[in-house]
Amino acid sequence: FNWSIIADFFNPFSQVWYRYLFYYLLYSFLIIFFAYFYTSIQFNPSEIAGNLKKYGGFIYGIRPGSDTKNYIERVLNRITLPGAFFLACLALASFFLIKFL
């Protein structure tokens, strides 16, 4: 069994295009996944909505309570997606610069 074939399959600087494509897709997926994971750990929409309600704050046009929680969840998802794609592109930029320059 030749382990060098498997090692070359996960090499981001491999000379065969379909081998490094898997690595880039996996790398991008993990960056996007952990961006959402980090956001879900750091920001608790229920806690933020409860704090807003407790201290008299509000979001204009949104009722306090569960409506505020749902709104904050929706906004966090909409903000996290482009941010995660940007982080993935930024992380892959170094590989593309090295590969094509």
N, C-alpha and C. Protein backbone atom coordinates (compact mmCIF):
# COMPACT_ATOMS: atom_id res chain seq x y z
N PHE A 1 0.85 -1.18 0.00
CA PHE A 1 0.00 0.00 0.00
C PHE A 1 0.88 1.24 0.00
N ASN A 2 0.60 2.15 -0.89
CA ASN A 2 1.44 3.33 -1.06
C ASN A 2 0.81 4.54 -0.37
N TRP A 3 1.39 4.95 0.77
CA TRP A 3 0.87 6.08 1.54
C TRP A 3 1.17 7.42 0.88
N SER A 4 2.12 7.46 -0.04
CA SER A 4 2.46 8.74 -0.67
C SER A 4 1.33 9.25 -1.56
N ILE A 5 0.54 8.35 -2.11
CA ILE A 5 -0.62 8.76 -2.92
C ILE A 5 -1.64 9.47 -2.04
N ILE A 6 -1.90 8.91 -0.86
CA ILE A 6 -2.85 9.53 0.06
C ILE A 6 -2.30 10.86 0.57
N ALA A 7 -1.02 10.89 0.89
CA ALA A 7 -0.41 12.13 1.37
C ALA A 7 -0.45 13.20 0.28
N ASP A 8 -0.26 12.81 -0.97
CA ASP A 8 -0.30 13.78 -2.07
C ASP A 8 -1.72 14.26 -2.32
N PHE A 9 -2.72 13.42 -2.01
CA PHE A 9 -4.11 13.81 -2.20
C PHE A 9 -4.50 14.96 -1.28
N PHE A 10 -3.91 15.03 -0.08
CA PHE A 10 -4.21 16.09 0.87
C PHE A 10 -3.21 17.24 0.80
N ASN A 11 -2.33 17.22 -0.15
CA ASN A 11 -1.32 18.27 -0.30
C ASN A 11 -1.93 19.46 -1.05
N PRO A 12 -1.96 20.65 -0.46
CA PRO A 12 -2.57 21.79 -1.16
C PRO A 12 -1.73 22.29 -2.33
N PHE A 13 -0.48 21.87 -2.42
CA PHE A 13 0.40 22.33 -3.49
C PHE A 13 0.70 21.22 -4.49
N SER A 14 -0.18 20.25 -4.59
CA SER A 14 -0.02 19.15 -5.52
C SER A 14 -0.08 19.68 -6.96
N GLN A 15 0.55 18.96 -7.85
CA GLN A 15 0.58 19.40 -9.25
C GLN A 15 -0.64 18.96 -10.05
N VAL A 16 -1.43 18.05 -9.50
CA VAL A 16 -2.63 17.57 -10.17
C VAL A 16 -3.83 18.32 -9.60
N TRP A 17 -4.63 18.97 -10.44
CA TRP A 17 -5.64 19.90 -9.99
C TRP A 17 -6.73 19.26 -9.13
N TYR A 18 -7.16 18.05 -9.44
CA TYR A 18 -8.26 17.46 -8.69
C TYR A 18 -7.83 17.04 -7.29
N ARG A 19 -6.55 16.93 -7.04
CA ARG A 19 -6.09 16.57 -5.70
C ARG A 19 -6.16 17.77 -4.76
N TYR A 20 -5.72 18.92 -5.19
CA TYR A 20 -5.77 20.07 -4.27
C TYR A 20 -7.17 20.67 -4.20
N LEU A 21 -8.04 20.37 -5.15
CA LEU A 21 -9.41 20.86 -5.10
C LEU A 21 -10.13 20.33 -3.86
N PHE A 22 -9.95 19.05 -3.54
CA PHE A 22 -10.55 18.47 -2.33
C PHE A 22 -10.05 19.18 -1.08
N TYR A 23 -8.77 19.46 -1.03
CA TYR A 23 -8.20 20.13 0.13
C TYR A 23 -8.80 21.53 0.29
N TYR A 24 -8.92 22.27 -0.78
CA TYR A 24 -9.46 23.63 -0.71
C TYR A 24 -10.93 23.62 -0.28
N LEU A 25 -11.71 22.67 -0.79
CA LEU A 25 -13.12 22.58 -0.40
C LEU A 25 -13.27 22.20 1.07
N LEU A 26 -12.46 21.26 1.52
CA LEU A 26 -12.50 20.87 2.93
C LEU A 26 -12.07 22.02 3.83
N TYR A 27 -11.02 22.71 3.44
CA TYR A 27 -10.51 23.85 4.20
C TYR A 27 -11.56 24.96 4.29
N SER A 28 -12.22 25.26 3.17
CA SER A 28 -13.26 26.29 3.15
C SER A 28 -14.46 25.88 4.01
N PHE A 29 -14.87 24.62 3.87
CA PHE A 29 -16.00 24.13 4.67
C PHE A 29 -15.71 24.25 6.16
N LEU A 30 -14.51 23.88 6.58
CA LEU A 30 -14.16 23.95 8.00
C LEU A 30 -14.13 25.39 8.50
N ILE A 31 -13.65 26.31 7.69
CA ILE A 31 -13.64 27.72 8.09
C ILE A 31 -15.07 28.24 8.26
N ILE A 32 -15.94 27.92 7.31
CA ILE A 32 -17.33 28.38 7.39
C ILE A 32 -18.04 27.72 8.58
N PHE A 33 -17.81 26.43 8.78
CA PHE A 33 -18.42 25.73 9.91
C PHE A 33 -17.99 26.34 11.24
N PHE A 34 -16.69 26.58 11.42
CA PHE A 34 -16.23 27.10 12.69
C PHE A 34 -16.60 28.57 12.89
N ALA A 35 -16.82 29.31 11.82
CA ALA A 35 -17.32 30.68 11.96
C ALA A 35 -18.73 30.65 12.56
N TYR A 36 -19.58 29.76 12.04
CA TYR A 36 -20.93 29.61 12.60
C TYR A 36 -20.87 29.05 14.02
N PHE A 37 -19.98 28.10 14.26
CA PHE A 37 -19.85 27.51 15.59
C PHE A 37 -19.43 28.56 16.62
N TYR A 38 -18.44 29.37 16.26
CA TYR A 38 -17.97 30.42 17.16
C TYR A 38 -19.07 31.44 17.44
N THR A 39 -19.80 31.81 16.40
CA THR A 39 -20.89 32.78 16.56
C THR A 39 -21.98 32.22 17.47
N SER A 40 -22.28 30.94 17.32
CA SER A 40 -23.33 30.35 18.16
C SER A 40 -22.90 30.25 19.62
N ILE A 41 -21.60 30.10 19.87
CA ILE A 41 -21.11 30.04 21.24
C ILE A 41 -21.05 31.44 21.87
N GLN A 42 -20.60 32.41 21.12
CA GLN A 42 -20.39 33.75 21.67
C GLN A 42 -21.66 34.56 21.82
N PHE A 43 -22.60 34.39 20.91
CA PHE A 43 -23.82 35.21 20.92
C PHE A 43 -25.03 34.33 21.16
N ASN A 44 -25.69 34.55 22.28
CA ASN A 44 -26.91 33.84 22.61
C ASN A 44 -28.09 34.80 22.38
N PRO A 45 -28.84 34.62 21.31
CA PRO A 45 -29.93 35.55 21.00
C PRO A 45 -30.97 35.65 22.11
N SER A 46 -31.23 34.56 22.82
CA SER A 46 -32.19 34.61 23.93
C SER A 46 -31.70 35.52 25.04
N GLU A 47 -30.41 35.43 25.34
CA GLU A 47 -29.84 36.28 26.38
C GLU A 47 -29.82 37.75 25.97
N ILE A 48 -29.48 38.01 24.71
CA ILE A 48 -29.47 39.39 24.22
C ILE A 48 -30.88 39.98 24.24
N ALA A 49 -31.88 39.18 23.80
CA ALA A 49 -33.26 39.66 23.80
C ALA A 49 -33.75 39.89 25.24
N GLY A 50 -33.37 38.99 26.14
CA GLY A 50 -33.75 39.17 27.55
C GLY A 50 -33.12 40.40 28.16
N ASN A 51 -31.85 40.65 27.84
CA ASN A 51 -31.17 41.85 28.35
C ASN A 51 -31.79 43.12 27.79
N LEU A 52 -32.14 43.10 26.53
CA LEU A 52 -32.79 44.27 25.94
C LEU A 52 -34.12 44.56 26.64
N LYS A 53 -34.87 43.49 26.88
CA LYS A 53 -36.18 43.66 27.52
C LYS A 53 -36.03 44.12 28.97
N LYS A 54 -35.05 43.53 29.67
CA LYS A 54 -34.85 43.84 31.09
C LYS A 54 -34.40 45.28 31.30
N TYR A 55 -33.56 45.78 30.42
CA TYR A 55 -33.03 47.13 30.60
C TYR A 55 -33.78 48.20 29.80
N GLY A 56 -34.92 47.82 29.22
CA GLY A 56 -35.77 48.79 28.56
C GLY A 56 -35.36 49.11 27.13
N GLY A 57 -34.46 48.36 26.56
CA GLY A 57 -34.06 48.59 25.17
C GLY A 57 -35.01 47.89 24.22
N PHE A 58 -34.99 48.30 22.99
CA PHE A 58 -35.84 47.65 21.99
C PHE A 58 -35.26 47.87 20.61
N ILE A 59 -35.70 47.06 19.69
CA ILE A 59 -35.37 47.23 18.28
C ILE A 59 -36.63 47.76 17.62
N TYR A 60 -36.50 48.89 16.94
CA TYR A 60 -37.66 49.57 16.37
C TYR A 60 -38.40 48.63 15.41
N GLY A 61 -39.69 48.48 15.64
CA GLY A 61 -40.53 47.66 14.77
C GLY A 61 -40.58 46.20 15.16
N ILE A 62 -39.84 45.80 16.19
CA ILE A 62 -39.81 44.40 16.63
C ILE A 62 -40.31 44.34 18.07
N ARG A 63 -41.27 43.45 18.33
CA ARG A 63 -41.81 43.31 19.68
C ARG A 63 -40.78 42.66 20.60
N PRO A 64 -40.70 43.08 21.86
CA PRO A 64 -39.77 42.46 22.82
C PRO A 64 -40.12 40.99 23.06
N GLY A 65 -39.11 40.21 23.40
CA GLY A 65 -39.34 38.79 23.72
C GLY A 65 -38.89 37.88 22.59
N SER A 66 -39.75 36.94 22.23
CA SER A 66 -39.38 35.92 21.24
C SER A 66 -39.22 36.52 19.84
N ASP A 67 -39.98 37.56 19.52
CA ASP A 67 -39.82 38.20 18.21
C ASP A 67 -38.42 38.84 18.09
N THR A 68 -37.96 39.44 19.18
CA THR A 68 -36.61 40.02 19.18
C THR A 68 -35.57 38.93 19.05
N LYS A 69 -35.76 37.82 19.74
CA LYS A 69 -34.82 36.69 19.66
C LYS A 69 -34.74 36.16 18.23
N ASN A 70 -35.90 35.97 17.60
CA ASN A 70 -35.92 35.48 16.21
C ASN A 70 -35.26 36.47 15.26
N TYR A 71 -35.49 37.76 15.49
CA TYR A 71 -34.88 38.78 14.64
C TYR A 71 -33.35 38.76 14.79
N ILE A 72 -32.87 38.66 16.03
CA ILE A 72 -31.43 38.65 16.27
C ILE A 72 -30.80 37.41 15.65
N GLU A 73 -31.47 36.24 15.76
CA GLU A 73 -30.97 35.02 15.13
C GLU A 73 -30.86 35.19 13.62
N ARG A 74 -31.89 35.77 13.01
CA ARG A 74 -31.90 35.95 11.56
C ARG A 74 -30.78 36.90 11.12
N VAL A 75 -30.59 37.99 11.88
CA VAL A 75 -29.54 38.95 11.55
C VAL A 75 -28.16 38.33 11.72
N LEU A 76 -27.97 37.56 12.79
CA LEU A 76 -26.67 36.90 13.00
C LEU A 76 -26.35 35.92 11.87
N ASN A 77 -27.35 35.17 11.42
CA ASN A 77 -27.12 34.25 10.31
C ASN A 77 -26.78 35.00 9.02
N ARG A 78 -27.46 36.10 8.78
CA ARG A 78 -27.20 36.88 7.57
C ARG A 78 -25.84 37.56 7.60
N ILE A 79 -25.38 37.94 8.78
CA ILE A 79 -24.07 38.59 8.90
C ILE A 79 -22.95 37.56 8.87
N THR A 80 -23.18 36.41 9.48
CA THR A 80 -22.13 35.39 9.58
C THR A 80 -21.81 34.77 8.23
N LEU A 81 -22.78 34.55 7.38
CA LEU A 81 -22.54 33.89 6.09
C LEU A 81 -21.56 34.65 5.21
N PRO A 82 -21.77 35.94 4.91
CA PRO A 82 -20.77 36.63 4.09
C PRO A 82 -19.44 36.77 4.80
N GLY A 83 -19.48 36.93 6.14
CA GLY A 83 -18.22 37.01 6.88
C GLY A 83 -17.44 35.72 6.81
N ALA A 84 -18.13 34.59 6.89
CA ALA A 84 -17.47 33.29 6.80
C ALA A 84 -16.90 33.07 5.40
N PHE A 85 -17.64 33.46 4.37
CA PHE A 85 -17.12 33.34 3.00
C PHE A 85 -15.90 34.24 2.80
N PHE A 86 -15.93 35.42 3.38
CA PHE A 86 -14.78 36.31 3.29
C PHE A 86 -13.56 35.70 3.97
N LEU A 87 -13.76 35.13 5.15
CA LEU A 87 -12.64 34.49 5.85
C LEU A 87 -12.09 33.31 5.05
N ALA A 88 -12.97 32.53 4.43
CA ALA A 88 -12.51 31.41 3.62
C ALA A 88 -11.73 31.90 2.41
N CYS A 89 -12.21 32.95 1.75
CA CYS A 89 -11.48 33.51 0.60
C CYS A 89 -10.15 34.08 1.02
N LEU A 90 -10.13 34.73 2.16
CA LEU A 90 -8.88 35.30 2.66
C LEU A 90 -7.87 34.21 2.99
N ALA A 91 -8.34 33.12 3.58
CA ALA A 91 -7.45 32.01 3.91
C ALA A 91 -6.94 31.31 2.65
N LEU A 92 -7.78 31.20 1.63
CA LEU A 92 -7.37 30.54 0.39
C LEU A 92 -6.52 31.44 -0.50
N ALA A 93 -6.56 32.73 -0.28
CA ALA A 93 -5.80 33.66 -1.12
C ALA A 93 -4.31 33.36 -1.07
N SER A 94 -3.80 33.01 0.08
CA SER A 94 -2.37 32.72 0.17
C SER A 94 -2.00 31.49 -0.66
N PHE A 95 -2.86 30.46 -0.65
CA PHE A 95 -2.58 29.28 -1.47
C PHE A 95 -2.59 29.61 -2.95
N PHE A 96 -3.57 30.43 -3.38
CA PHE A 96 -3.66 30.78 -4.79
C PHE A 96 -2.48 31.68 -5.21
N LEU A 97 -2.08 32.58 -4.34
CA LEU A 97 -0.93 33.42 -4.66
C LEU A 97 0.34 32.59 -4.82
N ILE A 98 0.53 31.63 -3.93
CA ILE A 98 1.70 30.78 -4.02
C ILE A 98 1.62 29.88 -5.26
N LYS A 99 0.44 29.36 -5.55
CA LYS A 99 0.27 28.43 -6.66
C LYS A 99 0.43 29.11 -8.02
N PHE A 100 -0.09 30.32 -8.17
CA PHE A 100 -0.14 30.92 -9.49
C PHE A 100 0.87 32.04 -9.72
N LEU A 101 1.64 32.40 -8.74
CA LEU A 101 2.65 33.43 -8.95
C LEU A 101 4.04 32.86 -9.03
